[in-house]
């Protein structure tokens, strides 16, 4: 996955046996998106975390998935790129009928959890 200036992947590991993906993400704190979200107090938009999750799945599974069901999305803290320089995505997934991928995801840094997600991609 190319570095788009907003984020880059520092590491990406997949365990086929456990159907787990772990990725470390680094945000570009000078990216233009932070000028509008929010000026003087930049935070990573929640929808961007879902896009990064989709990008990681597409890259790892070599698919072109779309999110079609979000059973649970909980944002519990804000990612401030100047403070939270590297966050981790821990993704558990299982393929079910019709190519649907059930996903559980946590985004965190140390003990701080930013996002918990449960949903389906197809």
N, C-alpha and C. Protein backbone atom coordinates (compact mmCIF):
# COMPACT_ATOMS: atom_id res chain seq x y z
N UNK A 1 0.85 -1.17 0.00
CA UNK A 1 0.00 0.00 0.00
C UNK A 1 0.90 1.23 0.00
N UNK A 2 0.68 2.14 -0.94
CA UNK A 2 1.56 3.32 -1.03
C UNK A 2 1.31 4.31 0.11
N UNK A 3 2.34 5.05 0.44
CA UNK A 3 2.22 6.11 1.44
C UNK A 3 1.44 7.25 0.78
N UNK A 4 0.29 7.61 1.33
CA UNK A 4 -0.54 8.65 0.75
C UNK A 4 -0.40 9.99 1.47
N UNK A 5 0.54 10.08 2.38
CA UNK A 5 0.74 11.31 3.13
C UNK A 5 -0.13 11.41 4.37
N UNK A 6 -1.30 10.76 4.35
CA UNK A 6 -2.18 10.78 5.51
C UNK A 6 -1.74 9.72 6.52
N UNK A 7 -1.45 8.53 6.01
CA UNK A 7 -0.95 7.47 6.89
C UNK A 7 -0.05 6.54 6.10
N UNK A 8 0.78 5.83 6.82
CA UNK A 8 1.59 4.78 6.22
C UNK A 8 1.57 3.58 7.16
N UNK A 9 1.82 2.43 6.57
CA UNK A 9 1.86 1.20 7.36
C UNK A 9 3.30 0.91 7.74
N UNK A 10 3.56 0.92 9.05
CA UNK A 10 4.90 0.65 9.55
C UNK A 10 5.18 -0.85 9.59
N UNK A 11 4.15 -1.65 9.90
CA UNK A 11 4.30 -3.10 9.90
C UNK A 11 2.93 -3.72 9.65
N UNK A 12 2.98 -4.91 9.04
CA UNK A 12 1.75 -5.64 8.71
C UNK A 12 2.04 -7.12 8.82
N UNK A 13 1.34 -7.79 9.72
CA UNK A 13 1.54 -9.22 9.93
C UNK A 13 0.21 -9.93 9.83
N UNK A 14 0.20 -11.06 9.14
CA UNK A 14 -1.01 -11.88 9.04
C UNK A 14 -0.71 -13.28 9.53
N UNK A 15 -1.63 -13.81 10.33
CA UNK A 15 -1.57 -15.18 10.79
C UNK A 15 -2.72 -15.93 10.16
N UNK A 16 -2.42 -16.79 9.18
CA UNK A 16 -3.47 -17.53 8.49
C UNK A 16 -4.21 -18.48 9.43
N UNK A 17 -3.50 -19.10 10.34
CA UNK A 17 -4.12 -20.08 11.23
C UNK A 17 -5.18 -19.43 12.13
N UNK A 18 -4.87 -18.26 12.66
CA UNK A 18 -5.79 -17.60 13.58
C UNK A 18 -6.69 -16.59 12.89
N UNK A 19 -6.49 -16.40 11.60
CA UNK A 19 -7.22 -15.39 10.84
C UNK A 19 -7.14 -14.03 11.54
N UNK A 20 -5.90 -13.61 11.79
CA UNK A 20 -5.64 -12.34 12.44
C UNK A 20 -4.68 -11.51 11.61
N UNK A 21 -4.89 -10.22 11.67
CA UNK A 21 -3.99 -9.26 11.03
C UNK A 21 -3.64 -8.22 12.09
N UNK A 22 -2.37 -7.89 12.18
CA UNK A 22 -1.91 -6.82 13.05
C UNK A 22 -1.14 -5.82 12.19
N UNK A 23 -1.52 -4.55 12.31
CA UNK A 23 -0.85 -3.50 11.52
C UNK A 23 -0.56 -2.32 12.42
N UNK A 24 0.63 -1.75 12.26
CA UNK A 24 0.99 -0.51 12.94
C UNK A 24 0.92 0.61 11.91
N UNK A 25 0.20 1.66 12.26
CA UNK A 25 -0.06 2.78 11.37
C UNK A 25 0.59 4.04 11.93
N UNK A 26 1.22 4.81 11.04
CA UNK A 26 1.81 6.10 11.40
C UNK A 26 1.07 7.16 10.61
N UNK A 27 0.60 8.20 11.30
CA UNK A 27 -0.13 9.28 10.64
C UNK A 27 0.82 10.42 10.28
N UNK A 28 0.58 11.03 9.13
CA UNK A 28 1.32 12.22 8.71
C UNK A 28 0.67 13.45 9.32
N UNK A 29 1.21 13.94 10.40
CA UNK A 29 0.55 15.01 11.16
C UNK A 29 0.42 16.32 10.38
N UNK A 30 1.12 16.45 9.25
CA UNK A 30 1.02 17.66 8.44
C UNK A 30 0.07 17.52 7.27
N UNK A 31 -0.66 16.41 7.19
CA UNK A 31 -1.58 16.18 6.07
C UNK A 31 -2.70 17.23 6.10
N UNK A 32 -3.18 17.60 4.91
CA UNK A 32 -4.20 18.65 4.77
C UNK A 32 -5.50 18.33 5.50
N UNK A 33 -5.82 17.06 5.67
CA UNK A 33 -7.07 16.70 6.35
C UNK A 33 -7.14 17.27 7.76
N UNK A 34 -5.99 17.42 8.40
CA UNK A 34 -5.99 17.92 9.77
C UNK A 34 -6.22 19.43 9.84
N UNK A 35 -6.09 20.12 8.71
CA UNK A 35 -6.41 21.54 8.67
C UNK A 35 -7.89 21.80 8.86
N UNK A 36 -8.71 20.82 8.48
CA UNK A 36 -10.15 20.99 8.63
C UNK A 36 -10.74 20.15 9.73
N UNK A 37 -9.95 19.27 10.31
CA UNK A 37 -10.48 18.33 11.33
C UNK A 37 -9.54 18.27 12.52
N UNK A 38 -9.39 19.09 13.32
CA UNK A 38 -10.01 20.40 13.44
C UNK A 38 -8.91 21.43 13.54
N UNK A 39 -9.09 22.62 12.96
CA UNK A 39 -8.03 23.63 12.99
C UNK A 39 -7.56 23.93 14.41
N UNK A 40 -6.26 23.82 14.63
CA UNK A 40 -5.69 24.08 15.94
C UNK A 40 -5.78 22.91 16.91
N UNK A 41 -6.58 21.91 16.59
CA UNK A 41 -6.75 20.73 17.46
C UNK A 41 -6.99 19.51 16.57
N UNK A 42 -5.99 19.12 15.78
CA UNK A 42 -6.21 18.04 14.80
C UNK A 42 -6.43 16.67 15.45
N UNK A 43 -7.45 15.97 14.95
CA UNK A 43 -7.67 14.58 15.35
C UNK A 43 -7.97 13.77 14.09
N UNK A 44 -7.70 12.48 14.16
CA UNK A 44 -7.97 11.59 13.03
C UNK A 44 -9.48 11.36 12.96
N UNK A 45 -10.09 11.66 11.80
CA UNK A 45 -11.53 11.41 11.65
C UNK A 45 -11.86 9.93 11.80
N UNK A 46 -12.94 9.65 12.52
CA UNK A 46 -13.36 8.26 12.74
C UNK A 46 -13.59 7.50 11.45
N UNK A 47 -14.20 8.15 10.48
CA UNK A 47 -14.47 7.48 9.21
C UNK A 47 -13.17 7.06 8.52
N UNK A 48 -12.10 7.80 8.75
CA UNK A 48 -10.81 7.45 8.17
C UNK A 48 -10.26 6.17 8.78
N UNK A 49 -10.54 5.93 10.06
CA UNK A 49 -10.11 4.68 10.68
C UNK A 49 -10.80 3.49 10.01
N UNK A 50 -12.07 3.65 9.66
CA UNK A 50 -12.79 2.58 8.96
C UNK A 50 -12.22 2.37 7.57
N UNK A 51 -11.83 3.45 6.91
CA UNK A 51 -11.20 3.35 5.58
C UNK A 51 -9.86 2.63 5.68
N UNK A 52 -9.08 2.94 6.70
CA UNK A 52 -7.79 2.26 6.89
C UNK A 52 -8.02 0.77 7.15
N UNK A 53 -9.02 0.44 7.97
CA UNK A 53 -9.36 -0.96 8.20
C UNK A 53 -9.66 -1.66 6.88
N UNK A 54 -10.48 -1.03 6.05
CA UNK A 54 -10.81 -1.60 4.73
C UNK A 54 -9.55 -1.75 3.88
N UNK A 55 -8.69 -0.74 3.86
CA UNK A 55 -7.44 -0.81 3.09
C UNK A 55 -6.57 -1.97 3.54
N UNK A 56 -6.45 -2.16 4.85
CA UNK A 56 -5.64 -3.26 5.39
C UNK A 56 -6.21 -4.60 4.95
N UNK A 57 -7.53 -4.75 5.07
CA UNK A 57 -8.17 -6.00 4.64
C UNK A 57 -7.96 -6.24 3.15
N UNK A 58 -8.17 -5.23 2.33
CA UNK A 58 -8.01 -5.38 0.89
C UNK A 58 -6.58 -5.75 0.52
N UNK A 59 -5.62 -5.11 1.15
CA UNK A 59 -4.22 -5.40 0.87
C UNK A 59 -3.85 -6.82 1.29
N UNK A 60 -4.24 -7.19 2.49
CA UNK A 60 -3.86 -8.49 3.04
C UNK A 60 -4.58 -9.64 2.35
N UNK A 61 -5.87 -9.47 2.13
CA UNK A 61 -6.68 -10.55 1.56
C UNK A 61 -6.72 -10.52 0.03
N UNK A 62 -6.10 -9.47 -0.55
CA UNK A 62 -6.06 -9.32 -2.02
C UNK A 62 -7.47 -9.36 -2.61
N UNK A 63 -8.34 -8.54 -2.02
CA UNK A 63 -9.73 -8.44 -2.45
C UNK A 63 -10.10 -6.97 -2.58
N UNK A 64 -11.27 -6.71 -3.10
CA UNK A 64 -11.79 -5.35 -3.18
C UNK A 64 -13.09 -5.32 -2.37
N UNK A 65 -12.96 -5.33 -1.06
CA UNK A 65 -14.09 -5.43 -0.16
C UNK A 65 -14.76 -4.08 0.05
N UNK A 66 -16.04 -4.14 0.39
CA UNK A 66 -16.76 -2.94 0.82
C UNK A 66 -17.44 -3.26 2.15
N UNK A 67 -17.54 -2.26 2.99
CA UNK A 67 -18.25 -2.41 4.25
C UNK A 67 -19.74 -2.39 3.96
N UNK A 68 -20.47 -3.43 4.38
CA UNK A 68 -21.91 -3.40 4.15
C UNK A 68 -22.72 -3.56 5.43
N UNK A 69 -22.08 -3.89 6.54
CA UNK A 69 -22.81 -3.98 7.80
C UNK A 69 -21.88 -3.65 8.95
N UNK A 70 -22.29 -2.68 9.75
CA UNK A 70 -21.53 -2.32 10.95
C UNK A 70 -22.42 -2.60 12.15
N UNK A 71 -22.16 -3.70 12.82
CA UNK A 71 -22.97 -4.10 13.97
C UNK A 71 -22.67 -3.25 15.19
N UNK A 72 -21.41 -2.87 15.34
CA UNK A 72 -21.00 -2.13 16.52
C UNK A 72 -19.77 -1.30 16.18
N UNK A 73 -19.87 0.00 16.39
CA UNK A 73 -18.72 0.90 16.24
C UNK A 73 -18.67 1.76 17.49
N UNK A 74 -17.55 1.68 18.20
CA UNK A 74 -17.41 2.47 19.42
C UNK A 74 -16.10 3.24 19.38
N UNK A 75 -16.20 4.56 19.30
CA UNK A 75 -15.04 5.44 19.37
C UNK A 75 -14.91 5.86 20.82
N UNK A 76 -13.82 5.48 21.46
CA UNK A 76 -13.68 5.75 22.88
C UNK A 76 -12.62 6.79 23.23
N UNK A 77 -11.82 7.18 22.25
CA UNK A 77 -10.81 8.22 22.46
C UNK A 77 -10.42 8.78 21.10
N UNK A 78 -9.92 10.00 21.10
CA UNK A 78 -9.48 10.64 19.86
C UNK A 78 -8.00 10.37 19.62
N UNK A 79 -7.67 10.17 18.35
CA UNK A 79 -6.26 10.04 17.97
C UNK A 79 -5.76 11.42 17.58
N UNK A 80 -4.83 11.92 18.35
CA UNK A 80 -4.18 13.21 18.08
C UNK A 80 -2.83 12.87 17.45
N UNK A 81 -2.67 13.15 16.14
CA UNK A 81 -1.47 12.66 15.44
C UNK A 81 -0.14 13.15 16.01
N UNK A 82 -0.13 14.31 16.62
CA UNK A 82 1.13 14.81 17.20
C UNK A 82 1.50 14.05 18.48
N UNK A 83 0.51 13.45 19.13
CA UNK A 83 0.75 12.71 20.38
C UNK A 83 0.80 11.21 20.12
N UNK A 84 -0.18 10.71 19.37
CA UNK A 84 -0.29 9.28 19.08
C UNK A 84 0.36 9.02 17.73
N UNK A 85 1.67 8.92 17.76
CA UNK A 85 2.43 8.84 16.50
C UNK A 85 2.29 7.49 15.80
N UNK A 86 2.02 6.44 16.56
CA UNK A 86 1.84 5.12 15.94
C UNK A 86 0.74 4.39 16.69
N UNK A 87 -0.27 3.93 15.93
CA UNK A 87 -1.37 3.17 16.53
C UNK A 87 -1.40 1.79 15.88
N UNK A 88 -2.00 0.86 16.60
CA UNK A 88 -2.06 -0.52 16.12
C UNK A 88 -3.50 -0.91 15.80
N UNK A 89 -3.65 -1.63 14.70
CA UNK A 89 -4.92 -2.24 14.31
C UNK A 89 -4.77 -3.73 14.57
N UNK A 90 -5.67 -4.28 15.35
CA UNK A 90 -5.69 -5.72 15.58
C UNK A 90 -7.02 -6.24 15.03
N UNK A 91 -6.93 -7.04 13.98
CA UNK A 91 -8.11 -7.45 13.22
C UNK A 91 -8.24 -8.97 13.28
N UNK A 92 -9.41 -9.43 13.70
CA UNK A 92 -9.77 -10.85 13.61
C UNK A 92 -10.84 -10.95 12.55
N UNK A 93 -10.74 -11.96 11.69
CA UNK A 93 -11.73 -12.07 10.62
C UNK A 93 -12.04 -13.54 10.35
N UNK A 94 -13.21 -13.73 9.76
CA UNK A 94 -13.65 -15.08 9.40
C UNK A 94 -14.50 -14.96 8.15
N UNK A 95 -14.18 -15.78 7.16
CA UNK A 95 -14.99 -15.78 5.94
C UNK A 95 -16.18 -16.70 6.15
N UNK A 96 -17.37 -16.17 5.83
CA UNK A 96 -18.60 -16.95 5.94
C UNK A 96 -19.24 -17.05 4.55
N UNK A 97 -20.48 -17.45 4.48
CA UNK A 97 -21.16 -17.71 3.22
C UNK A 97 -21.08 -16.54 2.24
N UNK A 98 -20.94 -16.90 0.97
CA UNK A 98 -20.97 -15.91 -0.10
C UNK A 98 -19.81 -14.95 -0.15
N UNK A 99 -18.69 -15.30 0.46
CA UNK A 99 -17.53 -14.42 0.42
C UNK A 99 -17.57 -13.28 1.43
N UNK A 100 -18.54 -13.29 2.31
CA UNK A 100 -18.64 -12.27 3.35
C UNK A 100 -17.56 -12.48 4.40
N UNK A 101 -16.95 -11.39 4.82
CA UNK A 101 -15.90 -11.43 5.84
C UNK A 101 -16.44 -10.78 7.11
N UNK A 102 -16.56 -11.56 8.18
CA UNK A 102 -16.92 -11.01 9.50
C UNK A 102 -15.64 -10.50 10.16
N UNK A 103 -15.70 -9.27 10.68
CA UNK A 103 -14.51 -8.61 11.19
C UNK A 103 -14.75 -8.08 12.60
N UNK A 104 -13.77 -8.30 13.47
CA UNK A 104 -13.66 -7.64 14.77
C UNK A 104 -12.34 -6.88 14.75
N UNK A 105 -12.38 -5.61 15.12
CA UNK A 105 -11.18 -4.79 15.05
C UNK A 105 -11.07 -3.89 16.27
N UNK A 106 -9.84 -3.74 16.75
CA UNK A 106 -9.53 -2.75 17.79
C UNK A 106 -8.38 -1.90 17.27
N UNK A 107 -8.49 -0.60 17.54
CA UNK A 107 -7.40 0.33 17.23
C UNK A 107 -6.94 0.89 18.57
N UNK A 108 -5.64 0.79 18.84
CA UNK A 108 -5.15 1.16 20.16
C UNK A 108 -3.69 1.61 20.10
N UNK A 109 -3.27 2.25 21.19
CA UNK A 109 -1.86 2.56 21.45
C UNK A 109 -1.65 2.29 22.93
N UNK A 110 -0.77 1.37 23.23
CA UNK A 110 -0.55 0.94 24.62
C UNK A 110 -1.89 0.54 25.24
N UNK A 111 -2.30 1.17 26.32
CA UNK A 111 -3.56 0.81 26.99
C UNK A 111 -4.75 1.61 26.49
N UNK A 112 -4.52 2.60 25.64
CA UNK A 112 -5.61 3.45 25.15
C UNK A 112 -6.25 2.82 23.92
N UNK A 113 -7.54 2.53 24.03
CA UNK A 113 -8.30 1.99 22.90
C UNK A 113 -9.06 3.15 22.26
N UNK A 114 -8.87 3.32 20.95
CA UNK A 114 -9.52 4.41 20.21
C UNK A 114 -10.81 3.95 19.54
N UNK A 115 -10.81 2.71 19.05
CA UNK A 115 -11.95 2.21 18.28
C UNK A 115 -12.12 0.73 18.51
N UNK A 116 -13.36 0.32 18.67
CA UNK A 116 -13.74 -1.10 18.62
C UNK A 116 -14.80 -1.20 17.54
N UNK A 117 -14.62 -2.17 16.64
CA UNK A 117 -15.50 -2.32 15.49
C UNK A 117 -15.86 -3.78 15.32
N UNK A 118 -17.13 -4.01 14.99
CA UNK A 118 -17.59 -5.34 14.61
C UNK A 118 -18.53 -5.15 13.43
N UNK A 119 -18.24 -5.86 12.33
CA UNK A 119 -19.07 -5.70 11.16
C UNK A 119 -18.72 -6.70 10.07
N UNK A 120 -19.28 -6.45 8.88
CA UNK A 120 -19.09 -7.37 7.75
C UNK A 120 -18.69 -6.60 6.50
N UNK A 121 -17.78 -7.21 5.77
CA UNK A 121 -17.34 -6.70 4.48
C UNK A 121 -17.69 -7.74 3.42
N UNK A 122 -17.90 -7.29 2.22
CA UNK A 122 -18.18 -8.21 1.13
C UNK A 122 -17.48 -7.74 -0.13
